[in-house]
Amino acid sequence: MNAGQSQSPSGATAGDRGHGSLLELVLIVAAAVALAFLIQAFFIKPYRIPSESMEPTLDVGQRVLVSRVNYKFGGTPDRNDIIVFHPPVGAEDRTCGVPHPEAQPCPAPVDREEKGVTFIKRVIGVPGDVVTIRDSHAVINGKVQKEPFIRPCAPGTCTYPKPIKVPPDHFFMMGDNRGESDDSRFWGPVPRKWIIGQAFFTYWPIKRVGIL
């Protein structure tokens, strides 16, 4: 044995134990990173609110957690769920997929998702619902919805009296800030396959922590 190198009764040197501890630490860190990526890819993913379209419910810069499993194992988006999804091509330019009267919400999206972009909105209409908009409020199957969470448009605006019917396997989305939201009114209902998951919890800022 070299001078200055100690040995335990089992024959392992101090250097061996040091290398073993370092390897163990590396493996723990690697496993933690892999687990974090796995959770984000398949279970829960954090998102930052990028715009004012969901105010007053969600502010710009607020952080939320989105469940990626709710709708993958038999669950179905319901009215008032807050959803993260891919919008259609043309969403940022308010491009509808079909011609329609100005008094009618967009009946159909452009039939391609916009890669790399995500929106967060509230589900207003589910498949089969007949939707109109009256003074900022959704009217579903002839019934004005109770929406205490919205920030309405200016009086006399945000009215679309001509109805559309939400197609099968599609969902009609609107932001809570009705005057500052690019949503299904302009680019149509969202196919289920474009939905990423449901926002269920806000964790930042601290004063806003809670269940959505």
Protein backbone atom coordinates (compact mmCIF):
# COMPACT_ATOMS: atom_id res chain seq x y z
CA MET A 1 0.00 0.00 0.00
CA ASN A 2 1.30 3.45 -0.90
CA ALA A 3 2.44 5.78 1.82
CA GLY A 4 -0.30 8.05 3.15
CA GLN A 5 -3.19 5.86 1.88
CA SER A 6 -5.36 4.45 4.66
CA GLN A 7 -7.24 1.19 4.45
CA SER A 8 -10.39 0.05 6.21
CA PRO A 9 -10.69 -3.40 7.81
CA SER A 10 -12.62 -4.55 4.73
CA GLY A 11 -9.71 -3.60 2.50
CA ALA A 12 -11.39 -0.55 0.84
CA THR A 13 -9.24 2.56 0.68
CA ALA A 14 -10.37 6.09 1.51
CA GLY A 15 -10.00 6.94 -2.18
CA ASP A 16 -12.33 4.08 -3.12
CA ARG A 17 -14.95 5.31 -0.67
CA GLY A 18 -14.65 8.86 -2.06
CA HIS A 19 -15.14 7.70 -5.63
CA GLY A 20 -18.13 5.60 -4.54
CA SER A 21 -19.79 8.55 -2.80
CA LEU A 22 -19.24 10.79 -5.84
CA LEU A 23 -20.73 8.18 -8.16
CA GLU A 24 -23.70 7.76 -5.86
CA LEU A 25 -24.28 11.54 -5.83
CA VAL A 26 -24.08 11.71 -9.65
CA LEU A 27 -26.58 8.86 -9.96
CA ILE A 28 -29.00 10.53 -7.52
CA VAL A 29 -28.83 13.85 -9.39
CA ALA A 30 -29.25 12.10 -12.76
CA ALA A 31 -32.26 10.17 -11.44
CA ALA A 32 -33.82 13.37 -10.04
CA VAL A 33 -33.35 15.19 -13.36
CA ALA A 34 -34.77 12.24 -15.30
CA LEU A 35 -37.75 12.09 -12.94
CA ALA A 36 -38.37 15.83 -13.36
CA PHE A 37 -38.32 15.49 -17.15
CA LEU A 38 -40.62 12.47 -16.93
CA ILE A 39 -43.11 14.33 -14.74
CA GLN A 40 -43.14 17.33 -17.09
CA ALA A 41 -43.44 15.20 -20.20
CA PHE A 42 -46.26 12.95 -19.02
CA PHE A 43 -47.85 14.20 -15.80
CA ILE A 44 -47.56 17.83 -14.63
CA LYS A 45 -45.95 20.80 -16.35
CA PRO A 46 -45.49 24.40 -15.12
CA TYR A 47 -46.55 27.32 -17.32
CA ARG A 48 -46.10 31.07 -17.10
CA ILE A 49 -49.06 33.28 -18.05
CA PRO A 50 -47.82 35.34 -21.04
CA SER A 51 -50.63 37.83 -21.58
CA GLU A 52 -53.55 39.62 -19.93
CA SER A 53 -56.20 37.52 -21.72
CA MET A 54 -57.14 35.59 -18.55
CA GLU A 55 -57.29 38.54 -16.15
CA PRO A 56 -58.60 38.90 -13.49
CA THR A 57 -58.33 35.13 -12.91
CA LEU A 58 -54.67 34.90 -13.97
CA ASP A 59 -52.25 37.83 -14.20
CA VAL A 60 -49.32 38.28 -16.57
CA GLY A 61 -46.32 36.40 -15.16
CA GLN A 62 -48.37 34.21 -12.85
CA ARG A 63 -47.30 30.55 -12.72
CA VAL A 64 -49.66 27.59 -12.94
CA LEU A 65 -49.37 23.82 -12.90
CA VAL A 66 -51.04 21.92 -15.74
CA SER A 67 -52.10 18.28 -15.46
CA ARG A 68 -51.31 16.36 -18.63
CA VAL A 69 -53.17 13.21 -17.49
CA ASN A 70 -56.73 14.45 -16.76
CA TYR A 71 -57.90 14.03 -20.32
CA LYS A 72 -55.67 11.11 -21.33
CA PHE A 73 -57.37 8.44 -19.23
CA GLY A 74 -61.07 8.88 -19.94
CA GLY A 75 -61.53 12.41 -18.62
CA THR A 76 -63.26 15.02 -20.80
CA PRO A 77 -62.84 18.82 -20.69
CA ASP A 78 -65.88 20.42 -19.08
CA ARG A 79 -67.28 23.93 -19.18
CA ASN A 80 -65.22 26.39 -17.13
CA ASP A 81 -62.08 24.21 -17.11
CA ILE A 82 -58.97 26.32 -17.71
CA ILE A 83 -57.05 24.64 -20.51
CA VAL A 84 -53.58 24.89 -22.07
CA PHE A 85 -53.61 23.98 -25.76
CA HIS A 86 -52.12 24.56 -29.19
CA PRO A 87 -54.10 27.15 -31.18
CA PRO A 88 -54.73 26.89 -34.91
CA VAL A 89 -52.56 28.52 -37.51
CA GLY A 90 -53.67 32.14 -37.85
CA ALA A 91 -54.84 32.48 -34.25
CA GLU A 92 -52.58 35.46 -33.55
CA ASP A 93 -54.03 37.18 -36.64
CA ARG A 94 -57.61 36.17 -35.76
CA THR A 95 -57.91 34.07 -38.91
CA CYS A 96 -61.04 31.89 -39.15
CA GLY A 97 -60.98 28.68 -41.16
CA VAL A 98 -64.22 29.42 -43.03
CA PRO A 99 -66.13 32.52 -44.18
CA HIS A 100 -68.82 33.63 -41.71
CA PRO A 101 -70.97 36.68 -40.86
CA GLU A 102 -69.48 39.30 -38.52
CA ALA A 103 -72.34 38.65 -36.09
CA GLN A 104 -71.29 35.02 -35.69
CA PRO A 105 -68.36 33.50 -33.80
CA CYS A 106 -65.90 31.61 -36.01
CA PRO A 107 -67.45 28.18 -36.74
CA ALA A 108 -64.24 26.31 -37.63
CA PRO A 109 -60.46 26.70 -37.22
CA VAL A 110 -57.82 26.50 -39.88
CA ASP A 111 -57.16 22.75 -39.90
CA ARG A 112 -53.56 22.79 -38.61
CA GLU A 113 -52.12 23.49 -35.18
CA GLU A 114 -49.55 26.21 -34.66
CA LYS A 115 -46.40 24.38 -33.59
CA GLY A 116 -44.45 25.63 -30.59
CA VAL A 117 -47.17 28.03 -29.41
CA THR A 118 -49.48 27.46 -26.44
CA PHE A 119 -52.54 29.39 -25.29
CA ILE A 120 -54.42 29.24 -22.01
CA LYS A 121 -58.19 29.89 -22.02
CA ARG A 122 -61.39 28.72 -20.39
CA VAL A 123 -63.68 26.08 -21.89
CA ILE A 124 -66.99 27.76 -22.70
CA GLY A 125 -68.66 25.26 -25.02
CA VAL A 126 -68.34 21.47 -25.29
CA PRO A 127 -69.23 19.26 -28.28
CA GLY A 128 -72.83 19.78 -29.38
CA ASP A 129 -73.33 23.08 -27.54
CA VAL A 130 -74.99 25.95 -29.40
CA VAL A 131 -72.99 29.09 -28.62
CA THR A 132 -73.70 32.81 -28.94
CA ILE A 133 -72.16 35.79 -27.10
CA ARG A 134 -74.26 38.52 -25.50
CA ASP A 135 -72.56 41.59 -23.99
CA SER A 136 -69.38 39.61 -23.17
CA HIS A 137 -71.27 36.66 -21.65
CA ALA A 138 -71.50 33.23 -23.22
CA VAL A 139 -74.98 32.01 -24.04
CA ILE A 140 -74.97 28.19 -24.16
CA ASN A 141 -77.99 26.38 -25.58
CA GLY A 142 -80.06 29.53 -25.07
CA LYS A 143 -79.01 30.09 -21.44
CA VAL A 144 -76.84 33.03 -20.37
CA GLN A 145 -73.97 31.66 -18.30
CA LYS A 146 -73.13 32.91 -14.83
CA GLU A 147 -69.57 34.16 -15.23
CA PRO A 148 -68.51 36.17 -12.16
CA PHE A 149 -64.85 35.55 -13.09
CA ILE A 150 -64.81 37.61 -16.31
CA ARG A 151 -63.65 41.14 -17.08
CA PRO A 152 -66.33 42.25 -19.56
CA CYS A 153 -65.87 44.28 -22.72
CA ALA A 154 -67.08 47.85 -23.00
CA PRO A 155 -70.92 48.04 -22.91
CA GLY A 156 -72.53 47.30 -26.26
CA THR A 157 -69.55 45.36 -27.62
CA CYS A 158 -68.54 41.68 -27.65
CA THR A 159 -71.92 40.51 -28.94
CA TYR A 160 -72.28 37.70 -31.49
CA PRO A 161 -76.00 36.88 -31.79
CA LYS A 162 -75.76 34.40 -34.69
CA PRO A 163 -75.18 30.91 -33.21
CA ILE A 164 -72.67 28.21 -34.01
CA LYS A 165 -72.77 24.58 -32.94
CA VAL A 166 -69.55 23.20 -31.45
CA PRO A 167 -68.47 20.25 -33.65
CA PRO A 168 -67.89 16.75 -32.25
CA ASP A 169 -64.59 16.41 -30.37
CA HIS A 170 -64.08 20.21 -30.36
CA PHE A 171 -64.20 22.82 -27.57
CA PHE A 172 -65.06 26.53 -27.68
CA MET A 173 -62.50 28.57 -25.70
CA MET A 174 -62.64 32.14 -24.38
CA GLY A 175 -60.36 34.24 -22.21
CA ASP A 176 -61.80 35.74 -19.02
CA ASN A 177 -60.66 39.20 -20.12
CA ARG A 178 -63.27 39.33 -22.86
CA GLY A 179 -62.05 42.53 -24.48
CA GLU A 180 -58.38 41.49 -24.59
CA SER A 181 -58.47 37.85 -25.64
CA ASP A 182 -57.80 36.20 -29.00
CA ASP A 183 -59.95 33.09 -28.70
CA SER A 184 -62.52 30.85 -30.37
CA ARG A 185 -64.71 33.83 -31.21
CA PHE A 186 -62.15 34.72 -33.87
CA TRP A 187 -60.44 31.43 -34.87
CA GLY A 188 -62.92 28.71 -34.01
CA PRO A 189 -63.37 25.73 -31.67
CA VAL A 190 -60.28 23.73 -30.69
CA PRO A 191 -59.95 20.01 -31.57
CA ARG A 192 -59.41 17.81 -28.55
CA LYS A 193 -56.13 16.50 -29.99
CA TRP A 194 -54.62 20.01 -29.62
CA ILE A 195 -55.31 20.14 -25.86
CA ILE A 196 -52.24 19.75 -23.64
CA GLY A 197 -53.90 19.66 -20.23
CA GLN A 198 -55.87 21.37 -17.49
CA ALA A 199 -54.49 24.16 -15.31
CA PHE A 200 -55.40 23.18 -11.75
CA PHE A 201 -53.09 25.06 -9.37
CA THR A 202 -51.30 28.41 -9.22
CA TYR A 203 -48.05 28.50 -7.25
CA TRP A 204 -46.65 31.99 -7.95
CA PRO A 205 -46.80 34.71 -6.76
CA ILE A 206 -47.16 33.50 -3.18
CA LYS A 207 -50.18 35.71 -2.52
CA ARG A 208 -52.08 33.96 -5.34
CA VAL A 209 -51.25 30.36 -4.38
CA GLY A 210 -54.31 28.13 -4.64
CA ILE A 211 -56.51 25.75 -6.61
CA LEU A 212 -58.00 27.08 -9.85
